[in-house]
Amino acid sequence: MKKRIKLGILLFIIATTLSLILLGCSQEPFNNNVRENKAKEQPISKESLQNPEIILESLKSASPEEVIQAFFWGHSNHSKEVVNATLYHEYEKINSDYPEIKQWEVLQITKLLNPPEWLKDSEKQFNQVEYFKVKHRLTLNPGYDLSNTQLVEIAERGEIEWYFVLAKEKESRWFIVYYGN
């Protein structure tokens, strides 16, 4: 788990590329035993969409799906504070607001009721663990030098899916403890 934490965004890029090559660009779910939530069900009200303080406060009682939405909202709105607040304290935090991101849109959140075995490492560490597959699309701002960003490959893929593992300890709130492929 600690090894995954240290690899950060670079691991996502590599894992995304490999999984798309190995699994293909299938639109079929990884698991037939799932509950799907369309991204239209936004957890955050319109008046708070531009207010990171309200989102940070709402994370204290947010559902796992709302934490995932806040993670992508933070990237889209260049708020590393919101993104980092969604991540478990041992997870590698981001150190940039990524101004090259125009929008990182959640298209679908699917709760996995029977996740792949390799995702279940977190069950040993936390009281409650939930698993999700998130379909998303990244759009980058034109005009930035994108030759040195790891986000270009994600954006070029169009709609892609990542796994998210959220967990909480006794008396805590939900945190992202793993995401990627």
N, C-alpha and C. Protein backbone atom coordinates (compact mmCIF):
# COMPACT_ATOMS: atom_id res chain seq x y z
N MET A 1 0.83 -1.18 0.00
CA MET A 1 0.00 0.00 0.00
C MET A 1 0.88 1.25 0.00
N LYS A 2 1.93 1.27 0.84
CA LYS A 2 2.79 2.45 0.91
C LYS A 2 3.54 2.66 -0.41
N LYS A 3 3.86 1.55 -1.09
CA LYS A 3 4.55 1.67 -2.37
C LYS A 3 3.65 2.35 -3.40
N ARG A 4 2.36 2.00 -3.41
CA ARG A 4 1.40 2.62 -4.32
C ARG A 4 1.26 4.11 -4.02
N ILE A 5 1.28 4.43 -2.76
CA ILE A 5 1.11 5.82 -2.35
C ILE A 5 2.22 6.68 -2.89
N LYS A 6 3.44 6.20 -2.87
CA LYS A 6 4.60 6.97 -3.29
C LYS A 6 4.68 7.18 -4.79
N LEU A 7 4.01 6.35 -5.57
CA LEU A 7 4.10 6.45 -7.01
C LEU A 7 3.23 7.56 -7.60
N GLY A 8 2.13 7.93 -6.91
CA GLY A 8 1.31 9.07 -7.28
C GLY A 8 0.79 9.05 -8.71
N ILE A 9 0.75 10.20 -9.29
CA ILE A 9 0.15 10.40 -10.61
C ILE A 9 0.86 9.61 -11.69
N LEU A 10 2.17 9.45 -11.60
CA LEU A 10 2.90 8.69 -12.59
C LEU A 10 2.35 7.27 -12.70
N LEU A 11 2.02 6.68 -11.57
CA LEU A 11 1.44 5.34 -11.55
C LEU A 11 0.11 5.32 -12.29
N PHE A 12 -0.69 6.37 -12.14
CA PHE A 12 -1.98 6.43 -12.82
C PHE A 12 -1.79 6.40 -14.32
N ILE A 13 -0.85 7.17 -14.80
CA ILE A 13 -0.62 7.24 -16.24
C ILE A 13 -0.20 5.88 -16.78
N ILE A 14 0.76 5.27 -16.11
CA ILE A 14 1.25 3.96 -16.55
C ILE A 14 0.15 2.92 -16.46
N ALA A 15 -0.56 2.91 -15.33
CA ALA A 15 -1.61 1.92 -15.12
C ALA A 15 -2.75 2.10 -16.11
N THR A 16 -3.12 3.34 -16.37
CA THR A 16 -4.19 3.61 -17.32
C THR A 16 -3.82 3.12 -18.70
N THR A 17 -2.60 3.41 -19.12
CA THR A 17 -2.15 2.98 -20.43
C THR A 17 -2.14 1.47 -20.53
N LEU A 18 -1.57 0.81 -19.54
CA LEU A 18 -1.50 -0.65 -19.57
C LEU A 18 -2.87 -1.30 -19.53
N SER A 19 -3.76 -0.78 -18.68
CA SER A 19 -5.08 -1.40 -18.60
C SER A 19 -5.87 -1.23 -19.88
N LEU A 20 -5.74 -0.07 -20.50
CA LEU A 20 -6.44 0.13 -21.77
C LEU A 20 -5.88 -0.78 -22.86
N ILE A 21 -4.58 -0.99 -22.84
CA ILE A 21 -3.97 -1.88 -23.82
C ILE A 21 -4.39 -3.32 -23.55
N LEU A 22 -4.33 -3.74 -22.28
CA LEU A 22 -4.65 -5.13 -21.94
C LEU A 22 -6.14 -5.44 -21.98
N LEU A 23 -6.96 -4.49 -21.49
CA LEU A 23 -8.39 -4.74 -21.40
C LEU A 23 -9.14 -4.21 -22.61
N GLY A 24 -8.50 -3.39 -23.40
CA GLY A 24 -9.19 -2.76 -24.51
C GLY A 24 -10.04 -1.63 -24.01
N CYS A 25 -10.74 -1.00 -24.87
CA CYS A 25 -11.57 0.14 -24.50
C CYS A 25 -13.02 -0.29 -24.35
N SER A 26 -13.25 -1.39 -23.71
CA SER A 26 -14.58 -1.94 -23.53
C SER A 26 -15.46 -0.99 -22.73
N GLN A 27 -16.70 -0.90 -23.11
CA GLN A 27 -17.67 -0.10 -22.37
C GLN A 27 -18.43 -0.96 -21.37
N GLU A 28 -18.16 -2.26 -21.35
CA GLU A 28 -18.85 -3.16 -20.44
C GLU A 28 -18.30 -2.97 -19.03
N PRO A 29 -19.15 -3.11 -18.00
CA PRO A 29 -18.66 -3.01 -16.64
C PRO A 29 -17.69 -4.15 -16.31
N PHE A 30 -16.77 -3.88 -15.38
CA PHE A 30 -15.83 -4.90 -14.94
C PHE A 30 -16.55 -5.97 -14.14
N ASN A 31 -17.70 -5.65 -13.62
CA ASN A 31 -18.39 -6.53 -12.71
C ASN A 31 -19.89 -6.38 -12.96
N ASN A 32 -20.61 -7.48 -13.10
CA ASN A 32 -22.04 -7.40 -13.34
C ASN A 32 -22.83 -7.10 -12.08
N ASN A 33 -22.24 -7.28 -10.93
CA ASN A 33 -22.91 -7.08 -9.66
C ASN A 33 -22.60 -5.67 -9.14
N VAL A 34 -23.21 -4.64 -9.75
CA VAL A 34 -22.86 -3.26 -9.44
C VAL A 34 -24.11 -2.42 -9.24
N ARG A 35 -23.90 -1.25 -8.63
CA ARG A 35 -24.94 -0.23 -8.53
C ARG A 35 -24.39 1.01 -9.22
N GLU A 36 -25.11 1.54 -10.19
CA GLU A 36 -24.61 2.67 -10.96
C GLU A 36 -25.29 3.96 -10.54
N ASN A 37 -24.51 5.04 -10.50
CA ASN A 37 -25.03 6.38 -10.28
C ASN A 37 -24.56 7.24 -11.43
N LYS A 38 -25.50 7.84 -12.14
CA LYS A 38 -25.13 8.73 -13.23
C LYS A 38 -24.57 10.01 -12.63
N ALA A 39 -23.62 10.61 -13.31
CA ALA A 39 -22.95 11.80 -12.81
C ALA A 39 -23.89 12.99 -12.70
N LYS A 40 -25.09 12.93 -13.27
CA LYS A 40 -26.04 14.03 -13.16
C LYS A 40 -26.42 14.28 -11.70
N GLU A 41 -26.30 13.28 -10.86
CA GLU A 41 -26.66 13.40 -9.46
C GLU A 41 -25.53 14.08 -8.70
N GLN A 42 -25.44 15.40 -8.86
CA GLN A 42 -24.35 16.17 -8.25
C GLN A 42 -24.58 16.29 -6.75
N PRO A 43 -23.55 16.03 -5.93
CA PRO A 43 -23.71 16.08 -4.49
C PRO A 43 -23.62 17.49 -3.92
N ILE A 44 -23.21 18.45 -4.72
CA ILE A 44 -22.92 19.78 -4.21
C ILE A 44 -23.89 20.76 -4.86
N SER A 45 -24.50 21.63 -4.06
CA SER A 45 -25.48 22.57 -4.59
C SER A 45 -24.81 23.62 -5.47
N LYS A 46 -25.61 24.25 -6.35
CA LYS A 46 -25.07 25.20 -7.31
C LYS A 46 -24.43 26.40 -6.63
N GLU A 47 -25.00 26.87 -5.52
CA GLU A 47 -24.42 28.04 -4.87
C GLU A 47 -23.05 27.76 -4.25
N SER A 48 -22.75 26.52 -4.00
CA SER A 48 -21.45 26.20 -3.41
C SER A 48 -20.42 25.74 -4.43
N LEU A 49 -20.80 25.68 -5.72
CA LEU A 49 -19.91 25.14 -6.74
C LEU A 49 -18.60 25.91 -6.88
N GLN A 50 -18.57 27.16 -6.53
CA GLN A 50 -17.35 27.94 -6.65
C GLN A 50 -16.74 28.25 -5.29
N ASN A 51 -17.16 27.55 -4.26
CA ASN A 51 -16.70 27.85 -2.92
C ASN A 51 -15.99 26.65 -2.29
N PRO A 52 -14.66 26.64 -2.35
CA PRO A 52 -13.92 25.51 -1.77
C PRO A 52 -14.16 25.33 -0.27
N GLU A 53 -14.39 26.41 0.45
CA GLU A 53 -14.61 26.29 1.90
C GLU A 53 -15.87 25.49 2.20
N ILE A 54 -16.93 25.71 1.42
CA ILE A 54 -18.17 24.95 1.63
C ILE A 54 -17.94 23.48 1.29
N ILE A 55 -17.21 23.23 0.23
CA ILE A 55 -16.93 21.84 -0.15
C ILE A 55 -16.08 21.16 0.91
N LEU A 56 -15.06 21.86 1.41
CA LEU A 56 -14.22 21.29 2.47
C LEU A 56 -15.06 20.96 3.70
N GLU A 57 -15.97 21.84 4.06
CA GLU A 57 -16.84 21.59 5.21
C GLU A 57 -17.77 20.41 4.95
N SER A 58 -18.29 20.32 3.72
CA SER A 58 -19.23 19.24 3.40
C SER A 58 -18.56 17.87 3.40
N LEU A 59 -17.24 17.83 3.21
CA LEU A 59 -16.53 16.54 3.22
C LEU A 59 -16.63 15.84 4.57
N LYS A 60 -16.86 16.57 5.64
CA LYS A 60 -16.95 15.97 6.98
C LYS A 60 -18.07 14.96 7.09
N SER A 61 -19.13 15.14 6.29
CA SER A 61 -20.26 14.21 6.35
C SER A 61 -20.61 13.65 4.97
N ALA A 62 -19.69 13.75 4.04
CA ALA A 62 -19.95 13.33 2.65
C ALA A 62 -19.98 11.82 2.50
N SER A 63 -20.79 11.38 1.56
CA SER A 63 -20.81 9.97 1.18
C SER A 63 -19.57 9.68 0.33
N PRO A 64 -19.22 8.42 0.12
CA PRO A 64 -18.09 8.10 -0.75
C PRO A 64 -18.24 8.70 -2.15
N GLU A 65 -19.44 8.66 -2.71
CA GLU A 65 -19.67 9.22 -4.03
C GLU A 65 -19.41 10.74 -4.03
N GLU A 66 -19.81 11.42 -2.98
CA GLU A 66 -19.58 12.86 -2.88
C GLU A 66 -18.10 13.19 -2.73
N VAL A 67 -17.35 12.33 -2.06
CA VAL A 67 -15.90 12.53 -1.94
C VAL A 67 -15.25 12.41 -3.33
N ILE A 68 -15.68 11.42 -4.11
CA ILE A 68 -15.16 11.26 -5.47
C ILE A 68 -15.50 12.49 -6.30
N GLN A 69 -16.74 12.97 -6.22
CA GLN A 69 -17.13 14.18 -6.96
C GLN A 69 -16.27 15.37 -6.54
N ALA A 70 -16.00 15.51 -5.25
CA ALA A 70 -15.18 16.62 -4.76
C ALA A 70 -13.74 16.53 -5.27
N PHE A 71 -13.21 15.31 -5.38
CA PHE A 71 -11.87 15.10 -5.92
C PHE A 71 -11.77 15.69 -7.33
N PHE A 72 -12.73 15.35 -8.19
CA PHE A 72 -12.71 15.86 -9.56
C PHE A 72 -13.04 17.35 -9.60
N TRP A 73 -13.95 17.81 -8.73
CA TRP A 73 -14.26 19.25 -8.66
C TRP A 73 -13.00 20.03 -8.31
N GLY A 74 -12.23 19.53 -7.36
CA GLY A 74 -11.00 20.21 -6.96
C GLY A 74 -10.02 20.35 -8.11
N HIS A 75 -9.88 19.31 -8.91
CA HIS A 75 -9.01 19.39 -10.08
C HIS A 75 -9.56 20.39 -11.10
N SER A 76 -10.86 20.32 -11.38
CA SER A 76 -11.46 21.20 -12.38
C SER A 76 -11.41 22.67 -11.96
N ASN A 77 -11.45 22.91 -10.66
CA ASN A 77 -11.48 24.28 -10.15
C ASN A 77 -10.14 24.71 -9.54
N HIS A 78 -9.11 23.96 -9.84
CA HIS A 78 -7.74 24.32 -9.45
C HIS A 78 -7.59 24.54 -7.95
N SER A 79 -8.20 23.64 -7.18
CA SER A 79 -8.14 23.73 -5.73
C SER A 79 -7.43 22.50 -5.17
N LYS A 80 -6.11 22.63 -5.00
CA LYS A 80 -5.37 21.49 -4.45
C LYS A 80 -5.79 21.21 -3.01
N GLU A 81 -6.32 22.22 -2.30
CA GLU A 81 -6.79 22.00 -0.93
C GLU A 81 -7.97 21.03 -0.92
N VAL A 82 -8.90 21.19 -1.86
CA VAL A 82 -10.04 20.28 -1.93
C VAL A 82 -9.57 18.88 -2.35
N VAL A 83 -8.74 18.80 -3.37
CA VAL A 83 -8.24 17.49 -3.82
C VAL A 83 -7.53 16.79 -2.66
N ASN A 84 -6.62 17.47 -2.01
CA ASN A 84 -5.86 16.85 -0.92
C ASN A 84 -6.75 16.46 0.26
N ALA A 85 -7.82 17.21 0.50
CA ALA A 85 -8.74 16.88 1.59
C ALA A 85 -9.51 15.60 1.32
N THR A 86 -9.62 15.19 0.06
CA THR A 86 -10.32 13.94 -0.26
C THR A 86 -9.43 12.72 -0.07
N LEU A 87 -8.12 12.94 -0.01
CA LEU A 87 -7.16 11.84 0.04
C LEU A 87 -6.80 11.47 1.48
N TYR A 88 -6.64 10.20 1.74
CA TYR A 88 -6.23 9.71 3.06
C TYR A 88 -4.88 10.31 3.42
N HIS A 89 -4.67 10.57 4.71
CA HIS A 89 -3.47 11.30 5.14
C HIS A 89 -2.16 10.64 4.75
N GLU A 90 -2.13 9.34 4.51
CA GLU A 90 -0.89 8.68 4.09
C GLU A 90 -0.70 8.70 2.57
N TYR A 91 -1.72 9.14 1.85
CA TYR A 91 -1.65 9.17 0.39
C TYR A 91 -0.82 10.37 -0.04
N GLU A 92 -0.09 10.22 -1.13
CA GLU A 92 0.73 11.32 -1.64
C GLU A 92 -0.17 12.46 -2.10
N LYS A 93 0.05 13.64 -1.54
CA LYS A 93 -0.77 14.81 -1.85
C LYS A 93 -0.25 15.48 -3.12
N ILE A 94 -1.14 16.20 -3.79
CA ILE A 94 -0.72 16.93 -4.98
C ILE A 94 -0.11 18.26 -4.54
N ASN A 95 0.80 18.78 -5.32
CA ASN A 95 1.44 20.04 -4.96
C ASN A 95 1.26 21.11 -6.03
N SER A 96 0.27 20.91 -6.89
CA SER A 96 0.01 21.87 -7.97
C SER A 96 -1.49 22.02 -8.13
N ASP A 97 -1.91 23.19 -8.61
CA ASP A 97 -3.31 23.41 -8.94
C ASP A 97 -3.61 23.01 -10.37
N TYR A 98 -2.61 22.54 -11.10
CA TYR A 98 -2.75 22.08 -12.48
C TYR A 98 -3.56 23.07 -13.33
N PRO A 99 -2.99 24.23 -13.63
CA PRO A 99 -3.72 25.23 -14.42
C PRO A 99 -4.04 24.76 -15.83
N GLU A 100 -3.37 23.73 -16.32
CA GLU A 100 -3.66 23.22 -17.66
C GLU A 100 -4.98 22.46 -17.73
N ILE A 101 -5.58 22.13 -16.58
CA ILE A 101 -6.87 21.43 -16.57
C ILE A 101 -7.99 22.43 -16.81
N LYS A 102 -8.79 22.16 -17.84
CA LYS A 102 -9.98 22.97 -18.09
C LYS A 102 -11.16 22.38 -17.32
N GLN A 103 -11.35 21.06 -17.47
CA GLN A 103 -12.43 20.39 -16.77
C GLN A 103 -12.10 18.91 -16.63
N TRP A 104 -12.37 18.36 -15.46
CA TRP A 104 -12.25 16.92 -15.25
C TRP A 104 -13.63 16.47 -14.82
N GLU A 105 -14.34 15.89 -15.74
CA GLU A 105 -15.75 15.61 -15.60
C GLU A 105 -15.99 14.15 -15.21
N VAL A 106 -16.83 13.96 -14.18
CA VAL A 106 -17.27 12.62 -13.80
C VAL A 106 -18.48 12.29 -14.66
N LEU A 107 -18.39 11.19 -15.38
CA LEU A 107 -19.47 10.77 -16.25
C LEU A 107 -20.38 9.74 -15.58
N GLN A 108 -19.77 8.87 -14.76
CA GLN A 108 -20.53 7.82 -14.10
C GLN A 108 -19.75 7.28 -12.92
N ILE A 109 -20.45 7.04 -11.84
CA ILE A 109 -19.86 6.39 -10.66
C ILE A 109 -20.61 5.08 -10.46
N THR A 110 -19.87 3.98 -10.43
CA THR A 110 -20.45 2.66 -10.25
C THR A 110 -19.88 2.04 -8.99
N LYS A 111 -20.75 1.74 -8.04
CA LYS A 111 -20.31 1.06 -6.81
C LYS A 111 -20.13 -0.42 -7.12
N LEU A 112 -18.97 -0.96 -6.77
CA LEU A 112 -18.69 -2.37 -7.00
C LEU A 112 -19.04 -3.16 -5.75
N LEU A 113 -20.00 -4.06 -5.87
CA LEU A 113 -20.41 -4.86 -4.74
C LEU A 113 -19.52 -6.09 -4.57
N ASN A 114 -18.84 -6.47 -5.63
CA ASN A 114 -17.94 -7.61 -5.59
C ASN A 114 -16.68 -7.22 -6.36
N PRO A 115 -15.78 -6.43 -5.73
CA PRO A 115 -14.61 -5.91 -6.44
C PRO A 115 -13.56 -6.98 -6.72
N PRO A 116 -12.66 -6.69 -7.65
CA PRO A 116 -11.55 -7.61 -7.90
C PRO A 116 -10.73 -7.83 -6.63
N GLU A 117 -10.20 -9.02 -6.49
CA GLU A 117 -9.42 -9.37 -5.28
C GLU A 117 -8.24 -8.43 -5.04
N TRP A 118 -7.56 -8.01 -6.10
CA TRP A 118 -6.37 -7.18 -5.93
C TRP A 118 -6.69 -5.81 -5.33
N LEU A 119 -7.96 -5.41 -5.35
CA LEU A 119 -8.33 -4.12 -4.75
C LEU A 119 -8.60 -4.22 -3.25
N LYS A 120 -8.69 -5.43 -2.73
CA LYS A 120 -9.15 -5.62 -1.37
C LYS A 120 -8.09 -5.46 -0.28
N ASP A 121 -6.89 -5.00 -0.62
CA ASP A 121 -5.84 -4.82 0.38
C ASP A 121 -6.26 -3.88 1.51
N SER A 122 -7.06 -2.88 1.19
CA SER A 122 -7.46 -1.87 2.17
C SER A 122 -8.35 -2.43 3.27
N GLU A 123 -9.00 -3.55 3.02
CA GLU A 123 -9.90 -4.13 4.01
C GLU A 123 -9.18 -4.52 5.30
N LYS A 124 -7.88 -4.78 5.20
CA LYS A 124 -7.11 -5.17 6.38
C LYS A 124 -6.82 -3.98 7.29
N GLN A 125 -6.83 -2.76 6.73
CA GLN A 125 -6.43 -1.56 7.46
C GLN A 125 -7.59 -0.76 8.03
N PHE A 126 -8.77 -0.84 7.42
CA PHE A 126 -9.86 0.08 7.75
C PHE A 126 -11.11 -0.67 8.18
N ASN A 127 -11.94 0.01 8.97
CA ASN A 127 -13.20 -0.57 9.44
C ASN A 127 -14.21 -0.71 8.31
N GLN A 128 -14.31 0.32 7.47
CA GLN A 128 -15.26 0.30 6.36
C GLN A 128 -14.54 0.63 5.07
N VAL A 129 -14.83 -0.14 4.03
CA VAL A 129 -14.22 0.08 2.72
C VAL A 129 -15.30 -0.07 1.65
N GLU A 130 -15.30 0.85 0.69
CA GLU A 130 -16.21 0.75 -0.45
C GLU A 130 -15.40 0.93 -1.74
N TYR A 131 -15.87 0.25 -2.78
CA TYR A 131 -15.14 0.20 -4.05
C TYR A 131 -16.00 0.79 -5.16
N PHE A 132 -15.35 1.53 -6.06
CA PHE A 132 -16.06 2.19 -7.14
C PHE A 132 -15.26 2.11 -8.43
N LYS A 133 -15.99 2.16 -9.53
CA LYS A 133 -15.40 2.35 -10.84
C LYS A 133 -15.95 3.68 -11.33
N VAL A 134 -15.08 4.59 -11.72
CA VAL A 134 -15.50 5.93 -12.11
C VAL A 134 -15.09 6.19 -13.56
N LYS A 135 -16.09 6.48 -14.38
CA LYS A 135 -15.84 6.86 -15.76
C LYS A 135 -15.71 8.38 -15.78
N HIS A 136 -14.64 8.88 -16.40
CA HIS A 136 -14.40 10.32 -16.40
C HIS A 136 -13.75 10.75 -17.70
N ARG A 137 -13.76 12.07 -17.90
CA ARG A 137 -13.16 12.66 -19.09
C ARG A 137 -12.43 13.93 -18.68
N LEU A 138 -11.18 14.05 -19.12
CA LEU A 138 -10.34 15.20 -18.82
C LEU A 138 -10.20 16.08 -20.06
N THR A 139 -10.44 17.38 -19.90
CA THR A 139 -10.25 18.36 -20.97
C THR A 139 -9.19 19.35 -20.50
N LEU A 140 -8.20 19.60 -21.36
CA LEU A 140 -7.12 20.52 -21.01
C LEU A 140 -7.33 21.88 -21.66
N ASN A 141 -6.84 22.91 -21.00
CA ASN A 141 -6.91 24.27 -21.55
C ASN A 141 -5.96 24.41 -22.73
N PRO A 142 -6.42 25.04 -23.80
CA PRO A 142 -5.50 25.31 -24.91
C PRO A 142 -4.52 26.41 -24.51
N GLY A 143 -3.38 26.43 -25.13
CA GLY A 143 -2.42 27.50 -24.88
C GLY A 143 -1.33 27.16 -23.88
N TYR A 144 -1.45 26.05 -23.18
CA TYR A 144 -0.40 25.63 -22.25
C TYR A 144 0.58 24.74 -22.97
N ASP A 145 1.82 24.77 -22.53
CA ASP A 145 2.82 23.85 -23.08
C ASP A 145 2.52 22.48 -22.48
N LEU A 146 1.89 21.63 -23.25
CA LEU A 146 1.45 20.34 -22.75
C LEU A 146 2.45 19.23 -23.00
N SER A 147 3.61 19.58 -23.51
CA SER A 147 4.59 18.55 -23.85
C SER A 147 5.18 17.88 -22.61
N ASN A 148 5.16 18.54 -21.48
CA ASN A 148 5.77 17.97 -20.28
C ASN A 148 4.76 17.56 -19.22
N THR A 149 3.48 17.52 -19.54
CA THR A 149 2.49 17.16 -18.53
C THR A 149 2.06 15.70 -18.67
N GLN A 150 1.85 15.06 -17.54
CA GLN A 150 1.37 13.68 -17.53
C GLN A 150 -0.13 13.61 -17.82
N LEU A 151 -0.80 14.74 -17.76
CA LEU A 151 -2.23 14.78 -17.97
C LEU A 151 -2.62 14.64 -19.45
N VAL A 152 -1.70 14.91 -20.34
CA VAL A 152 -2.00 14.86 -21.78
C VAL A 152 -2.49 13.48 -22.17
N GLU A 153 -1.80 12.46 -21.71
CA GLU A 153 -2.19 11.10 -22.08
C GLU A 153 -3.58 10.75 -21.58
N ILE A 154 -3.92 11.19 -20.37
CA ILE A 154 -5.26 10.94 -19.85
C ILE A 154 -6.29 11.65 -20.73
N ALA A 155 -6.03 12.91 -21.05
CA ALA A 155 -6.97 13.70 -21.86
C ALA A 155 -7.15 13.08 -23.25
N GLU A 156 -6.08 12.58 -23.83
CA GLU A 156 -6.15 12.00 -25.17
C GLU A 156 -6.97 10.71 -25.22
N ARG A 157 -7.13 10.07 -24.11
CA ARG A 157 -7.89 8.80 -24.06
C ARG A 157 -9.39 9.02 -24.17
N GLY A 158 -9.87 10.23 -23.91
CA GLY A 158 -11.32 10.48 -23.92
C GLY A 158 -11.93 9.96 -22.64
N GLU A 159 -13.00 9.20 -22.77
CA GLU A 159 -13.66 8.62 -21.60
C GLU A 159 -12.86 7.42 -21.11
N ILE A 160 -12.43 7.47 -19.85
CA ILE A 160 -11.69 6.34 -19.29
C ILE A 160 -12.27 6.00 -17.92
N GLU A 161 -11.91 4.84 -17.41
CA GLU A 161 -12.41 4.38 -16.12
C GLU A 161 -11.23 4.09 -15.19
N TRP A 162 -11.38 4.54 -13.95
CA TRP A 162 -10.41 4.23 -12.89
C TRP A 162 -11.16 3.59 -11.74
N TYR A 163 -10.44 2.78 -10.99
CA TYR A 163 -10.97 2.28 -9.73
C TYR A 163 -10.70 3.29 -8.64
N PHE A 164 -11.63 3.40 -7.71
CA PHE A 164 -11.45 4.21 -6.51
C PHE A 164 -11.78 3.33 -5.32
N VAL A 165 -10.94 3.40 -4.28
CA VAL A 165 -11.22 2.71 -3.03
C VAL A 165 -11.34 3.79 -1.97
N LEU A 166 -12.47 3.81 -1.28
CA LEU A 166 -12.68 4.76 -0.21
C LEU A 166 -12.83 3.99 1.09
N ALA A 167 -12.32 4.57 2.16
CA ALA A 167 -12.34 3.88 3.44
C ALA A 167 -12.52 4.89 4.55
N LYS A 168 -12.93 4.37 5.69
CA LYS A 168 -12.96 5.21 6.88
C LYS A 168 -12.66 4.35 8.10
N GLU A 169 -12.08 5.00 9.06
CA GLU A 169 -11.78 4.36 10.33
C GLU A 169 -12.91 4.71 11.30
N LYS A 170 -12.85 4.17 12.50
CA LYS A 170 -13.86 4.50 13.51
C LYS A 170 -13.94 6.01 13.66
N GLU A 171 -15.16 6.51 13.69
CA GLU A 171 -15.42 7.93 13.94
C GLU A 171 -14.76 8.88 12.95
N SER A 172 -14.40 8.43 11.77
CA SER A 172 -13.80 9.33 10.79
C SER A 172 -14.75 9.50 9.62
N ARG A 173 -14.32 10.28 8.66
CA ARG A 173 -15.10 10.47 7.45
C ARG A 173 -14.47 9.63 6.33
N TRP A 174 -15.11 9.60 5.18
CA TRP A 174 -14.61 8.84 4.04
C TRP A 174 -13.43 9.55 3.40
N PHE A 175 -12.42 8.77 3.04
CA PHE A 175 -11.23 9.25 2.33
C PHE A 175 -10.94 8.33 1.15
N ILE A 176 -10.31 8.88 0.13
CA ILE A 176 -9.81 8.06 -0.99
C ILE A 176 -8.49 7.46 -0.53
N VAL A 177 -8.41 6.14 -0.54
CA VAL A 177 -7.16 5.47 -0.15
C VAL A 177 -6.43 4.88 -1.35
N TYR A 178 -7.12 4.81 -2.49
CA TYR A 178 -6.49 4.35 -3.73
C TYR A 178 -7.34 4.82 -4.89
N TYR A 179 -6.67 5.20 -5.98
CA TYR A 179 -7.37 5.43 -7.24
C TYR A 179 -6.40 5.17 -8.38
N GLY A 180 -6.95 4.74 -9.50
CA GLY A 180 -6.16 4.39 -10.66
C GLY A 180 -6.65 3.08 -11.23
N ASN A 181 -5.82 2.48 -12.08
CA ASN A 181 -6.18 1.21 -12.71
C ASN A 181 -5.36 0.10 -12.12
